[in-house]
Amino acid sequence: MFQRVRSFLVFFALAALGLSAGASVAAPRAAQPVLCTALAPEAISPAQIARDWAPQASRWNCSGAHWPIDGSRDTLVRITVPRAGVADGAMLATRLTRYHGLSITAVARDGRFATRDIAPSDLTFSTTGWTMRMRLPRLTAPVEAYVVKVTGARHPGLLSDIAIAPPPDEARVGNAELLLAALCGLMLMPLILSFLFFRILRQRFILWHAAAVLAMLVQTLVTCGLVNRFATLSLYQINLLSTLSWAAMVICAVRFFVNLLEPETVRPGHRMAISAITPWFLFWSGYYVLADGPLLPSVAPLYYMAFLPIIAVLVTTLIAAAMRGSRQVWFQIVGWSPLMLLGLARNATILGLGDAPMGLMLAQHLAIVFEIVVTTLGAADRIMAIRLQRDLAIDQVRVQSNLARHDALTGLLNRRAIEEQFPELYAAGFHTMAALDLDHFKAVNDTHGHAAGDEVLRAVASALRPDEDTIAVRMGGEEFLLLLRGDDALDRAERRRQAIPSRVAKHHPGLARLITASMGIYTHESEKADQPAPAFINVYTTCDRLLYASKEAGRNCVRSNAPLPASWPDTRPPIALAR
């Protein structure tokens, strides 16, 4: 059965990878003018850009694979404008990334220029993607090129993703937003299910799963742009939210993973390596947010390279757990495969193995939703397995407890059980105790054997018939005990005693003589309604004395501390007990 489930999960993962790849290919970036880059000298002015830099092709690198960031110099990006110009109201769009300063210089074919310094209030953030837009400077003459000067860029995607885009209609809710909203809504169900699961089974991995899903939801809301539809955040706040939610997502998902797997399938070395992921990734997340100045060129590469050891640790742990026969690891392998492959693709491009750093944001959103769905199935499967194990353990405990509290031969309660429950039973009204002992039982064992003796004892247990007002106990050997409540307690005890001979004769007709029983009955009368229960041993000792009094009176009779009904065949005065 599990082999078929595993095959389905693998197929599901391959389908998800194809869907993610298709999503990234299905929406290629619109054709844009060639981007050229250069590092500018310190304090370069807009006039120098327009006069000395924009027209001179030798100053620019137009290979499409060079996105320089320098902590002490500005980066220039030149966008050559086609002869047809740009549409009215067009804006500059690029990846949503932090920077220290940004300006746009429009250079006309006749040498005139206009510059716009971009203030934080000039930025508008997309509601359908990880992009920001800003207005272009205006020129009455035809524009030949726009030159963007960026100071302190933290990610090369800010340079590589620069494009001239038409102004968006922010008032209109398009299909893209509806799709993204549906994906975010889909994430809420596993989050709710996690809390419901935790109420059923209080396991730590369920809380880690809920925290991971919450972080993924925040990450998706921020990076897909939907958060900008409902909140006004600054560029720094959006980037900080993205970085922190990604860190929380990685850490919580890893903690969920290590707590989800069967303990015996995770090696101690792998467990230690996974524990080290949390401080490791927190450090590099802090570096990504705080590093500045000369460290700026290393911020993005080092941050992305920090994922490689994490992926290596997780992959080796996944393989080892699968080889050790883990069932849960297959949910993680399937759920994480798309995200890991996307991460490797991003790392490759950020480290220069491609023309430009890839965002793959739509593929990321789909991969996150896929991961949540599959790992939620894994969590549910683990919950069912744990609950089944717990129920089996509880059943075993109940069986053992039942064996410890019941007589194995007759099925009646044993002395240990009745001693433990006596205070509660007394408080419930069981104030009458009757001790019974079979007359001449040894002769049965000696004459007919112990197997016949066991049959007699089982027949006696059947005659005693416990019910809601009568509790029957085997004290040991041929001695039994009744606890009774109600006004007719004495009558019920006597009827059970008198039923013993006929019941035994019916179950074992070959006996040489009838099996009778002697009985002593003690009724404890409380002087106060709230008086605590007497000690079991005291009541039992008194009842036992009455039993031996009936033995001394010739057996097959009853002795009691209370008056017996006149209708009984052997009616005698109650025995006065010394206090």
Protein backbone atom coordinates (compact mmCIF):
# COMPACT_ATOMS: atom_id res chain seq x y z
CA MET A 1 0.00 0.00 0.00
CA PHE A 2 2.71 2.47 0.98
CA GLN A 3 4.68 1.64 -2.19
CA ARG A 4 1.73 2.92 -4.25
CA VAL A 5 1.44 6.03 -2.05
CA ARG A 6 5.15 6.71 -2.45
CA SER A 7 4.97 6.31 -6.23
CA PHE A 8 2.04 8.73 -6.32
CA LEU A 9 3.95 11.27 -4.24
CA VAL A 10 6.97 11.08 -6.55
CA PHE A 11 4.74 11.52 -9.59
CA PHE A 12 3.05 14.44 -7.84
CA ALA A 13 6.45 16.06 -7.23
CA LEU A 14 7.46 15.69 -10.89
CA ALA A 15 4.16 17.20 -11.96
CA ALA A 16 4.71 20.13 -9.59
CA LEU A 17 8.20 20.69 -10.95
CA GLY A 18 6.79 20.77 -14.45
CA LEU A 19 4.07 23.20 -13.36
CA SER A 20 6.62 25.49 -11.70
CA ALA A 21 8.87 25.41 -14.75
CA GLY A 22 5.89 26.06 -16.97
CA ALA A 23 4.85 28.98 -14.81
CA SER A 24 8.26 30.57 -15.14
CA VAL A 25 8.37 30.00 -18.91
CA ALA A 26 4.73 30.86 -19.61
CA ALA A 27 5.21 34.48 -18.59
CA PRO A 28 8.52 35.62 -20.11
CA ARG A 29 9.63 39.17 -19.56
CA ALA A 30 8.51 41.46 -22.34
CA ALA A 31 11.19 42.45 -24.84
CA GLN A 32 13.13 45.44 -23.48
CA PRO A 33 15.82 47.73 -24.81
CA VAL A 34 19.39 46.61 -24.16
CA LEU A 35 20.69 47.37 -20.67
CA CYS A 36 24.29 48.51 -20.28
CA THR A 37 26.08 49.00 -16.96
CA ALA A 38 29.06 50.87 -15.64
CA LEU A 39 30.58 51.90 -12.31
CA ALA A 40 30.57 55.66 -11.97
CA PRO A 41 33.29 57.78 -10.33
CA GLU A 42 32.45 59.41 -7.02
CA ALA A 43 29.97 62.33 -7.03
CA ILE A 44 29.21 62.11 -10.74
CA SER A 45 26.67 64.76 -11.74
CA PRO A 46 23.67 64.44 -14.06
CA ALA A 47 25.44 66.76 -16.53
CA GLN A 48 28.47 64.47 -16.64
CA ILE A 49 26.19 61.49 -17.15
CA ALA A 50 24.42 63.20 -20.06
CA ARG A 51 27.52 64.72 -21.66
CA ASP A 52 30.41 62.34 -20.94
CA TRP A 53 28.83 58.94 -20.29
CA ALA A 54 25.52 58.36 -22.03
CA PRO A 55 26.80 58.93 -25.62
CA GLN A 56 30.09 57.00 -25.27
CA ALA A 57 29.61 53.28 -25.94
CA SER A 58 33.13 52.44 -24.76
CA ARG A 59 32.27 53.28 -21.17
CA TRP A 60 29.49 50.69 -20.98
CA ASN A 61 29.29 46.93 -20.61
CA CYS A 62 26.34 45.73 -22.67
CA SER A 63 26.91 42.00 -22.40
CA GLY A 64 23.72 41.52 -20.37
CA ALA A 65 25.60 39.49 -17.76
CA HIS A 66 27.47 42.16 -15.77
CA TRP A 67 25.65 43.75 -12.82
CA PRO A 68 28.32 45.46 -10.73
CA ILE A 69 27.76 46.57 -7.12
CA ASP A 70 30.47 48.55 -5.35
CA GLY A 71 30.25 49.82 -1.80
CA SER A 72 32.13 53.04 -2.61
CA ARG A 73 30.91 53.85 -6.14
CA ASP A 74 27.58 54.26 -7.86
CA THR A 75 26.26 51.86 -10.48
CA LEU A 76 24.94 53.28 -13.74
CA VAL A 77 22.44 51.44 -15.90
CA ARG A 78 21.74 52.83 -19.38
CA ILE A 79 18.48 51.99 -21.12
CA THR A 80 18.57 52.71 -24.84
CA VAL A 81 15.19 53.99 -26.01
CA PRO A 82 13.97 52.82 -29.43
CA ARG A 83 13.18 55.35 -32.17
CA ALA A 84 9.48 54.97 -31.49
CA GLY A 85 10.02 56.25 -27.97
CA VAL A 86 8.10 55.13 -24.90
CA ALA A 87 4.39 55.24 -24.18
CA ASP A 88 2.86 58.21 -22.41
CA GLY A 89 2.89 57.74 -18.67
CA ALA A 90 5.49 54.96 -18.83
CA MET A 91 7.36 54.24 -15.61
CA LEU A 92 10.62 52.66 -14.61
CA ALA A 93 10.06 49.24 -12.99
CA THR A 94 12.58 47.00 -11.30
CA ARG A 95 12.96 44.36 -8.61
CA LEU A 96 11.85 45.49 -5.16
CA THR A 97 15.22 45.84 -3.43
CA ARG A 98 16.77 48.21 -0.91
CA TYR A 99 19.27 50.88 -1.94
CA HIS A 100 20.74 54.10 -0.55
CA GLY A 101 19.96 56.44 -3.40
CA LEU A 102 18.48 56.34 -6.88
CA SER A 103 18.09 58.89 -9.65
CA ILE A 104 17.00 58.74 -13.30
CA THR A 105 18.48 60.97 -15.99
CA ALA A 106 16.70 61.28 -19.33
CA VAL A 107 19.11 62.21 -22.17
CA ALA A 108 17.67 63.63 -25.39
CA ARG A 109 19.18 63.13 -28.84
CA ASP A 110 20.08 66.84 -28.97
CA GLY A 111 22.03 66.62 -25.70
CA ARG A 112 19.42 68.08 -23.37
CA PHE A 113 18.72 66.14 -20.18
CA ALA A 114 16.42 66.04 -17.17
CA THR A 115 16.98 64.27 -13.84
CA ARG A 116 14.61 62.98 -11.20
CA ASP A 117 15.87 61.98 -7.77
CA ILE A 118 13.69 59.18 -6.48
CA ALA A 119 12.47 59.77 -2.94
CA PRO A 120 10.81 57.01 -0.87
CA SER A 121 7.44 58.65 -1.52
CA ASP A 122 8.01 58.34 -5.29
CA LEU A 123 7.97 54.56 -5.16
CA THR A 124 4.85 52.54 -5.86
CA PHE A 125 4.80 48.81 -5.20
CA SER A 126 3.14 46.24 -7.39
CA THR A 127 0.15 44.31 -6.06
CA THR A 128 0.93 41.33 -8.30
CA GLY A 129 4.69 40.90 -8.07
CA TRP A 130 8.00 41.68 -6.39
CA THR A 131 8.50 44.94 -8.26
CA MET A 132 8.54 48.66 -7.59
CA ARG A 133 7.81 51.51 -9.99
CA MET A 134 8.86 55.14 -10.20
CA ARG A 135 8.08 58.00 -12.56
CA LEU A 136 10.48 58.92 -15.35
CA PRO A 137 11.80 62.48 -15.79
CA ARG A 138 10.05 64.47 -18.52
CA LEU A 139 11.73 65.93 -21.61
CA THR A 140 10.08 67.77 -24.48
CA ALA A 141 12.70 66.47 -26.92
CA PRO A 142 12.82 62.80 -28.03
CA VAL A 143 14.64 60.72 -25.43
CA GLU A 144 17.62 58.67 -26.61
CA ALA A 145 18.42 56.93 -23.32
CA TYR A 146 17.60 56.82 -19.66
CA VAL A 147 20.50 56.43 -17.23
CA VAL A 148 19.68 55.10 -13.78
CA LYS A 149 22.22 55.87 -11.05
CA VAL A 150 21.98 53.53 -8.07
CA THR A 151 23.87 54.00 -4.82
CA GLY A 152 24.20 51.12 -2.39
CA ALA A 153 22.19 48.45 -4.21
CA ARG A 154 21.87 45.32 -2.07
CA HIS A 155 20.94 42.90 -4.84
CA PRO A 156 22.00 42.73 -8.51
CA GLY A 157 18.38 42.07 -9.43
CA LEU A 158 17.72 45.77 -8.85
CA LEU A 159 19.98 46.42 -11.88
CA SER A 160 19.19 43.44 -14.09
CA ASP A 161 15.40 43.80 -13.82
CA ILE A 162 15.21 47.47 -14.79
CA ALA A 163 12.62 47.96 -17.51
CA ILE A 164 10.33 50.62 -18.97
CA ALA A 165 6.77 49.59 -18.21
CA PRO A 166 3.33 51.09 -18.87
CA PRO A 167 1.58 52.53 -15.83
CA PRO A 168 -0.50 49.93 -13.97
CA ASP A 169 -4.20 50.28 -13.32
CA GLU A 170 -4.04 49.81 -9.54
CA ALA A 171 -7.80 50.21 -9.14
CA ARG A 172 -8.54 47.13 -11.25
CA VAL A 173 -8.36 43.68 -9.69
CA GLY A 174 -7.03 41.40 -12.39
CA ASN A 175 -6.82 37.65 -12.83
CA ALA A 176 -3.26 37.60 -11.46
CA GLU A 177 -4.37 39.09 -8.15
CA LEU A 178 -7.30 36.70 -7.92
CA LEU A 179 -4.98 33.75 -8.52
CA LEU A 180 -2.52 34.96 -5.87
CA ALA A 181 -5.33 35.61 -3.42
CA ALA A 182 -6.62 32.07 -4.03
CA LEU A 183 -3.15 30.64 -3.36
CA CYS A 184 -2.90 32.59 -0.10
CA GLY A 185 -6.38 31.48 0.88
CA LEU A 186 -5.39 27.88 0.17
CA MET A 187 -2.58 28.24 2.74
CA LEU A 188 -5.05 29.16 5.49
CA MET A 189 -6.66 25.72 5.53
CA PRO A 190 -3.47 23.81 6.51
CA LEU A 191 -2.83 26.48 9.15
CA ILE A 192 -6.27 25.92 10.67
CA LEU A 193 -5.87 22.16 10.39
CA SER A 194 -2.57 22.34 12.29
CA PHE A 195 -4.26 23.92 15.29
CA LEU A 196 -7.08 21.38 15.11
CA PHE A 197 -4.51 18.58 14.93
CA PHE A 198 -2.74 19.98 17.99
CA ARG A 199 -5.94 19.81 20.00
CA ILE A 200 -6.23 16.13 19.11
CA LEU A 201 -2.57 15.21 19.59
CA ARG A 202 -0.24 17.60 21.39
CA GLN A 203 2.92 16.94 19.42
CA ARG A 204 5.65 19.52 18.91
CA PHE A 205 5.95 18.94 15.16
CA ILE A 206 2.37 20.18 14.68
CA LEU A 207 3.25 23.57 16.18
CA TRP A 208 6.39 23.79 14.02
CA HIS A 209 4.24 23.01 10.98
CA ALA A 210 1.76 25.75 11.90
CA ALA A 211 4.63 28.23 12.37
CA ALA A 212 6.16 27.22 9.02
CA VAL A 213 2.84 27.61 7.21
CA LEU A 214 2.30 31.03 8.81
CA ALA A 215 5.78 32.15 7.72
CA MET A 216 5.13 30.86 4.18
CA LEU A 217 1.84 32.73 4.07
CA VAL A 218 3.52 35.97 5.14
CA GLN A 219 6.35 35.38 2.64
CA THR A 220 3.87 34.85 -0.19
CA LEU A 221 1.67 37.81 0.76
CA VAL A 222 4.72 40.08 0.78
CA THR A 223 6.58 38.82 -2.28
CA CYS A 224 3.51 38.46 -4.49
CA GLY A 225 2.57 42.08 -3.71
CA LEU A 226 -0.88 41.45 -2.23
CA VAL A 227 0.23 43.03 1.05
CA ASN A 228 0.48 46.36 -0.80
CA ARG A 229 -3.23 46.18 -1.54
CA PHE A 230 -4.07 46.28 2.17
CA ALA A 231 -1.14 48.04 3.90
CA THR A 232 1.13 51.01 3.23
CA LEU A 233 4.66 49.84 3.93
CA SER A 234 8.04 51.38 3.20
CA LEU A 235 10.68 49.76 1.02
CA TYR A 236 12.70 48.86 4.12
CA GLN A 237 9.67 47.33 5.88
CA ILE A 238 8.74 45.20 2.88
CA ASN A 239 12.29 43.90 2.46
CA LEU A 240 12.61 43.24 6.19
CA LEU A 241 9.31 41.35 6.23
CA SER A 242 10.44 39.26 3.28
CA THR A 243 13.83 38.40 4.82
CA LEU A 244 12.44 37.62 8.28
CA SER A 245 9.54 35.54 6.96
CA TRP A 246 11.93 33.59 4.74
CA ALA A 247 14.23 32.94 7.72
CA ALA A 248 11.27 31.85 9.85
CA MET A 249 10.03 29.67 7.02
CA VAL A 250 13.35 27.84 6.65
CA ILE A 251 13.93 27.41 10.40
CA CYS A 252 10.38 26.29 11.23
CA ALA A 253 10.20 23.94 8.25
CA VAL A 254 13.49 22.33 9.26
CA ARG A 255 12.38 21.97 12.90
CA PHE A 256 9.09 20.50 11.70
CA PHE A 257 11.03 18.06 9.53
CA VAL A 258 13.31 16.76 12.27
CA ASN A 259 10.41 16.44 14.75
CA LEU A 260 8.16 14.77 12.18
CA LEU A 261 10.46 11.93 11.21
CA GLU A 262 10.47 8.72 13.17
CA PRO A 263 13.23 9.19 15.79
CA GLU A 264 15.02 5.98 14.87
CA THR A 265 15.46 7.09 11.24
CA VAL A 266 17.48 10.26 12.00
CA ARG A 267 21.15 9.72 12.82
CA PRO A 268 22.65 11.71 15.73
CA GLY A 269 25.11 13.46 13.40
CA HIS A 270 22.31 14.58 11.09
CA ARG A 271 20.28 15.75 14.08
CA MET A 272 23.21 17.90 15.26
CA ALA A 273 23.73 19.33 11.77
CA ILE A 274 20.05 20.22 11.48
CA SER A 275 20.17 21.91 14.90
CA ALA A 276 23.05 24.06 13.61
CA ILE A 277 20.92 25.35 10.72
CA THR A 278 19.02 27.77 12.98
CA PRO A 279 22.02 29.87 14.20
CA TRP A 280 23.68 29.54 10.79
CA PHE A 281 20.75 30.96 8.86
CA LEU A 282 19.92 33.60 11.47
CA PHE A 283 23.48 34.92 11.14
CA TRP A 284 23.33 35.18 7.36
CA SER A 285 19.85 36.68 7.42
CA GLY A 286 21.17 39.34 9.78
CA TYR A 287 24.15 39.85 7.46
CA TYR A 288 21.79 40.30 4.51
CA VAL A 289 19.80 42.95 6.36
CA LEU A 290 22.60 44.85 8.13
CA ALA A 291 25.80 44.58 6.08
CA ASP A 292 26.74 47.84 4.36
CA GLY A 293 29.58 49.88 2.90
CA PRO A 294 32.46 47.79 1.55
CA LEU A 295 30.47 44.60 2.35
CA LEU A 296 27.66 45.45 -0.08
CA PRO A 297 29.07 43.50 -3.07
CA SER A 298 29.14 40.32 -0.95
CA VAL A 299 25.66 40.67 0.60
CA ALA A 300 23.59 38.83 -2.01
CA PRO A 301 26.19 36.18 -3.03
CA LEU A 302 27.01 35.20 0.56
CA TYR A 303 23.35 35.15 1.56
CA TYR A 304 22.44 32.87 -1.32
CA MET A 305 25.51 30.68 -0.80
CA ALA A 306 24.37 30.18 2.82
CA PHE A 307 21.55 28.04 1.42
CA LEU A 308 23.92 25.49 -0.10
CA PRO A 309 25.08 23.90 3.19
CA ILE A 310 21.46 23.83 4.36
CA ILE A 311 20.36 22.02 1.21
CA ALA A 312 23.30 19.62 1.54
CA VAL A 313 22.41 18.76 5.16
CA LEU A 314 18.75 18.26 4.32
CA VAL A 315 19.42 16.13 1.24
CA THR A 316 21.81 13.81 3.11
CA THR A 317 19.32 13.54 6.00
CA LEU A 318 16.48 12.77 3.59
CA ILE A 319 18.50 10.06 1.87
CA ALA A 320 19.63 8.50 5.15
CA ALA A 321 16.09 8.50 6.58
CA ALA A 322 14.72 6.94 3.39
CA MET A 323 17.38 4.20 3.56
CA ARG A 324 16.40 3.53 7.18
CA GLY A 325 12.82 2.87 6.12
CA SER A 326 11.16 6.14 7.14
CA ARG A 327 7.64 6.53 5.85
CA GLN A 328 7.35 10.24 6.63
CA VAL A 329 10.50 11.23 4.77
CA TRP A 330 8.80 10.66 1.42
CA PHE A 331 6.34 13.45 2.11
CA GLN A 332 9.30 15.77 2.76
CA ILE A 333 11.20 14.61 -0.32
CA VAL A 334 8.19 15.29 -2.52
CA GLY A 335 7.19 18.53 -0.80
CA TRP A 336 10.66 20.07 -0.76
CA SER A 337 11.92 19.04 -4.21
CA PRO A 338 10.43 22.02 -6.13
CA LEU A 339 11.66 24.57 -3.56
CA MET A 340 15.15 23.08 -3.43
CA LEU A 341 15.50 23.04 -7.22
CA LEU A 342 14.28 26.64 -7.43
CA GLY A 343 16.80 27.59 -4.75
CA LEU A 344 19.63 25.94 -6.68
CA ALA A 345 18.56 27.72 -9.88
CA ARG A 346 18.55 31.08 -8.07
CA ASN A 347 21.95 30.39 -6.54
CA ALA A 348 23.39 29.54 -9.91
CA THR A 349 22.26 32.82 -11.45
CA ILE A 350 23.18 35.00 -8.48
CA LEU A 351 26.70 33.53 -8.57
CA GLY A 352 27.10 34.45 -12.25
CA LEU A 353 26.09 31.20 -13.98
CA GLY A 354 23.42 32.98 -16.00
CA ASP A 355 22.73 36.23 -17.76
CA ALA A 356 20.78 37.74 -14.86
CA PRO A 357 19.63 36.74 -11.37
CA MET A 358 16.33 34.90 -11.72
CA GLY A 359 13.39 35.79 -9.53
CA LEU A 360 11.04 32.91 -10.45
CA MET A 361 8.50 34.42 -8.08
CA LEU A 362 5.38 32.77 -9.52
CA ALA A 363 7.18 29.42 -9.49
CA GLN A 364 8.14 30.11 -5.85
CA HIS A 365 4.53 30.80 -4.87
CA LEU A 366 3.37 27.57 -6.52
CA ALA A 367 6.21 25.60 -4.93
CA ILE A 368 5.37 26.96 -1.48
CA VAL A 369 1.70 26.04 -1.83
CA PHE A 370 2.70 22.60 -3.08
CA GLU A 371 5.06 22.15 -0.11
CA ILE A 372 2.34 23.12 2.36
CA VAL A 373 -0.18 20.70 0.86
CA VAL A 374 2.22 17.73 0.81
CA THR A 375 3.72 18.33 4.26
CA THR A 376 0.23 18.76 5.71
CA LEU A 377 -0.59 15.32 4.33
CA GLY A 378 2.63 14.07 5.93
CA ALA A 379 1.69 15.63 9.27
CA ALA A 380 -1.78 14.10 9.10
CA ASP A 381 -0.28 10.70 8.27
CA ARG A 382 2.15 10.99 11.21
CA ILE A 383 -0.68 12.03 13.53
CA MET A 384 -2.69 8.98 12.54
CA ALA A 385 0.33 6.73 13.10
CA ILE A 386 1.08 8.25 16.51
CA ARG A 387 -2.55 8.09 17.53
CA LEU A 388 -2.75 4.45 16.48
CA GLN A 389 0.38 3.68 18.52
CA ARG A 390 -1.03 5.58 21.48
CA ASP A 391 -4.36 3.79 21.27
CA LEU A 392 -2.60 0.42 21.11
CA ALA A 393 -0.49 1.38 24.12
CA ILE A 394 -3.59 2.51 26.03
CA ASP A 395 -5.34 -0.74 25.17
CA GLN A 396 -2.34 -2.70 26.41
CA VAL A 397 -2.29 -0.68 29.63
CA ARG A 398 -6.00 -1.31 30.06
CA VAL A 399 -5.51 -5.02 29.50
CA GLN A 400 -2.66 -5.13 32.00
CA SER A 401 -4.63 -3.04 34.47
CA ASN A 402 -7.64 -5.29 34.00
CA LEU A 403 -5.48 -8.36 34.61
CA ALA A 404 -4.00 -6.76 37.72
CA ARG A 405 -7.44 -5.90 39.13
CA HIS A 406 -9.36 -9.03 38.18
CA ASP A 407 -9.09 -12.64 39.17
CA ALA A 408 -7.81 -14.64 36.21
CA LEU A 409 -9.91 -17.73 36.96
CA THR A 410 -13.36 -16.26 37.68
CA GLY A 411 -13.14 -12.79 36.11
CA LEU A 412 -14.31 -11.19 39.36
CA LEU A 413 -12.51 -8.26 40.95
CA ASN A 414 -9.63 -9.21 43.21
CA ARG A 415 -8.74 -7.99 46.68
CA ARG A 416 -6.33 -5.33 45.43
CA ALA A 417 -9.02 -3.73 43.29
CA ILE A 418 -11.64 -3.63 46.04
CA GLU A 419 -9.23 -2.22 48.61
CA GLU A 420 -8.28 0.62 46.25
CA GLN A 421 -11.90 1.46 45.43
CA PHE A 422 -13.44 0.92 48.86
CA PRO A 423 -13.56 4.62 49.94
CA GLU A 424 -15.32 5.62 46.72
CA LEU A 425 -17.69 2.64 46.89
CA TYR A 426 -18.54 3.37 50.51
CA ALA A 427 -19.27 6.99 49.60
CA ALA A 428 -21.56 5.65 46.84
CA GLY A 429 -23.66 3.74 49.41
CA PHE A 430 -22.02 0.30 49.54
CA HIS A 431 -22.28 -0.09 53.34
CA THR A 432 -22.99 -3.85 53.49
CA MET A 433 -20.20 -6.43 53.20
CA ALA A 434 -20.74 -10.19 52.99
CA ALA A 435 -17.90 -12.69 53.23
CA LEU A 436 -18.56 -16.17 51.85
CA ASP A 437 -16.48 -19.35 52.20
CA LEU A 438 -17.28 -22.66 50.46
CA ASP A 439 -17.90 -25.53 52.84
CA HIS A 440 -15.53 -28.53 52.60
CA PHE A 441 -14.04 -27.29 49.33
CA LYS A 442 -10.75 -29.09 49.95
CA ALA A 443 -12.58 -32.40 49.56
CA VAL A 444 -13.52 -31.41 45.97
CA ASN A 445 -9.88 -30.90 45.01
CA ASP A 446 -8.79 -34.06 46.80
CA THR A 447 -11.54 -36.23 45.27
CA HIS A 448 -12.10 -34.78 41.80
CA GLY A 449 -8.87 -32.87 41.14
CA HIS A 450 -7.98 -29.21 40.85
CA ALA A 451 -9.54 -28.85 37.40
CA ALA A 452 -12.91 -29.77 38.91
CA GLY A 453 -12.21 -27.35 41.74
CA ASP A 454 -11.64 -24.58 39.22
CA GLU A 455 -14.96 -25.39 37.52
CA VAL A 456 -16.69 -25.13 40.91
CA LEU A 457 -15.12 -21.73 41.59
CA ARG A 458 -16.27 -20.44 38.18
CA ALA A 459 -19.80 -21.69 38.88
CA VAL A 460 -19.79 -19.91 42.26
CA ALA A 461 -18.70 -16.68 40.55
CA SER A 462 -21.64 -17.08 38.16
CA ALA A 463 -24.03 -17.52 41.10
CA LEU A 464 -22.84 -14.33 42.78
CA ARG A 465 -24.03 -12.25 39.77
CA PRO A 466 -22.56 -8.74 40.16
CA ASP A 467 -24.86 -5.84 39.16
CA GLU A 468 -24.99 -2.08 39.66
CA ASP A 469 -25.86 -2.52 43.37
CA THR A 470 -23.78 -5.64 44.01
CA ILE A 471 -20.02 -6.09 43.60
CA ALA A 472 -18.55 -9.58 43.69
CA VAL A 473 -14.91 -10.21 44.64
CA ARG A 474 -12.77 -13.32 44.84
CA MET A 475 -10.52 -12.82 47.86
CA GLY A 476 -8.49 -15.97 47.24
CA GLY A 477 -8.90 -19.71 47.36
CA GLU A 478 -12.57 -20.56 48.02
CA GLU A 479 -13.33 -17.24 49.74
CA PHE A 480 -15.53 -14.58 48.10
CA LEU A 481 -16.77 -11.14 49.08
CA LEU A 482 -19.89 -9.15 48.27
CA LEU A 483 -20.32 -5.39 48.60
CA LEU A 484 -23.96 -4.32 48.49
CA ARG A 485 -26.07 -1.22 48.78
CA GLY A 486 -29.81 -0.66 49.15
CA ASP A 487 -32.47 -1.62 51.68
CA ASP A 488 -32.66 -5.21 50.40
CA ALA A 489 -28.89 -5.81 50.62
CA LEU A 490 -29.28 -8.70 53.10
CA ASP A 491 -31.90 -10.47 50.96
CA ARG A 492 -29.79 -10.14 47.80
CA ALA A 493 -26.74 -11.53 49.54
CA GLU A 494 -28.70 -14.53 50.90
CA ARG A 495 -30.29 -15.28 47.52
CA ARG A 496 -26.84 -15.42 45.96
CA ARG A 497 -25.55 -17.71 48.71
CA GLN A 498 -28.50 -20.08 48.31
CA ALA A 499 -28.02 -20.12 44.51
CA ILE A 500 -24.54 -21.61 44.85
CA PRO A 501 -25.47 -25.33 45.33
CA SER A 502 -27.81 -25.50 42.35
CA ARG A 503 -25.48 -23.48 40.10
CA VAL A 504 -22.51 -25.70 40.95
CA ALA A 505 -24.56 -28.88 40.50
CA LYS A 506 -25.71 -27.69 37.07
CA HIS A 507 -22.17 -26.93 35.88
CA HIS A 508 -20.55 -29.95 37.50
CA PRO A 509 -23.14 -32.72 38.04
CA GLY A 510 -20.58 -35.38 38.92
CA LEU A 511 -19.78 -34.11 42.42
CA ALA A 512 -20.38 -36.47 45.34
CA ARG A 513 -22.10 -33.81 47.44
CA LEU A 514 -23.69 -30.38 47.16
CA ILE A 515 -21.43 -27.39 47.50
CA THR A 516 -22.72 -24.95 50.09
CA ALA A 517 -21.33 -21.75 51.53
CA SER A 518 -21.17 -20.09 54.91
CA MET A 519 -21.57 -16.32 55.08
CA GLY A 520 -20.94 -13.47 57.47
CA ILE A 521 -22.67 -10.12 56.83
CA TYR A 522 -21.67 -6.84 58.32
CA THR A 523 -23.62 -3.61 57.78
CA HIS A 524 -21.82 -0.43 58.74
CA GLU A 525 -24.18 2.32 59.89
CA SER A 526 -22.72 5.83 59.80
CA GLU A 527 -23.64 8.12 62.64
CA LYS A 528 -23.10 11.15 60.41
CA ALA A 529 -23.93 11.58 56.75
CA ASP A 530 -20.52 13.06 55.98
CA GLN A 531 -18.56 10.57 58.06
CA PRO A 532 -15.47 9.31 56.16
CA ALA A 533 -15.34 5.71 55.02
CA PRO A 534 -13.94 3.23 57.55
CA ALA A 535 -10.74 1.39 56.71
CA PHE A 536 -11.33 -1.61 54.48
CA ILE A 537 -9.25 -3.89 56.65
CA ASN A 538 -11.35 -3.03 59.72
CA VAL A 539 -14.66 -3.78 57.99
CA TYR A 540 -13.28 -6.94 56.39
CA THR A 541 -11.86 -8.21 59.69
CA THR A 542 -15.25 -7.75 61.35
CA CYS A 543 -17.03 -9.47 58.46
CA ASP A 544 -14.53 -12.32 58.62
CA ARG A 545 -15.29 -12.85 62.31
CA LEU A 546 -18.98 -13.20 61.44
CA LEU A 547 -18.06 -15.70 58.71
CA TYR A 548 -16.19 -17.91 61.16
CA ALA A 549 -19.09 -17.66 63.56
CA SER A 550 -21.29 -19.19 60.87
CA LYS A 551 -18.66 -21.92 60.33
CA GLU A 552 -18.67 -22.74 64.02
CA ALA A 553 -22.50 -22.87 63.96
CA GLY A 554 -22.38 -25.83 61.61
CA ARG A 555 -21.71 -24.21 58.17
CA ASN A 556 -24.22 -23.47 55.39
CA CYS A 557 -25.69 -20.62 57.43
CA VAL A 558 -25.41 -16.86 57.95
CA ARG A 559 -24.29 -14.70 60.83
CA SER A 560 -24.74 -10.94 60.91
CA ASN A 561 -24.34 -7.90 63.14
CA ALA A 562 -27.89 -6.84 62.14
CA PRO A 563 -31.27 -8.64 62.62
CA LEU A 564 -31.96 -11.13 59.85
CA PRO A 565 -35.38 -11.32 58.20
CA ALA A 566 -37.85 -13.73 59.91
CA SER A 567 -38.47 -15.48 56.59
CA TRP A 568 -34.93 -16.86 56.49
CA PRO A 569 -34.70 -20.57 57.42
CA ASP A 570 -31.88 -20.07 59.91
CA THR A 571 -32.91 -16.93 61.77
CA ARG A 572 -30.80 -16.13 64.76
CA PRO A 573 -30.22 -13.03 66.87
CA PRO A 574 -27.55 -10.65 65.59
CA ILE A 575 -24.09 -11.17 66.98
CA ALA A 576 -22.92 -8.38 69.23
CA LEU A 577 -19.45 -7.34 68.18
CA ALA A 578 -16.98 -5.92 70.66
CA ARG A 579 -15.92 -2.39 69.84
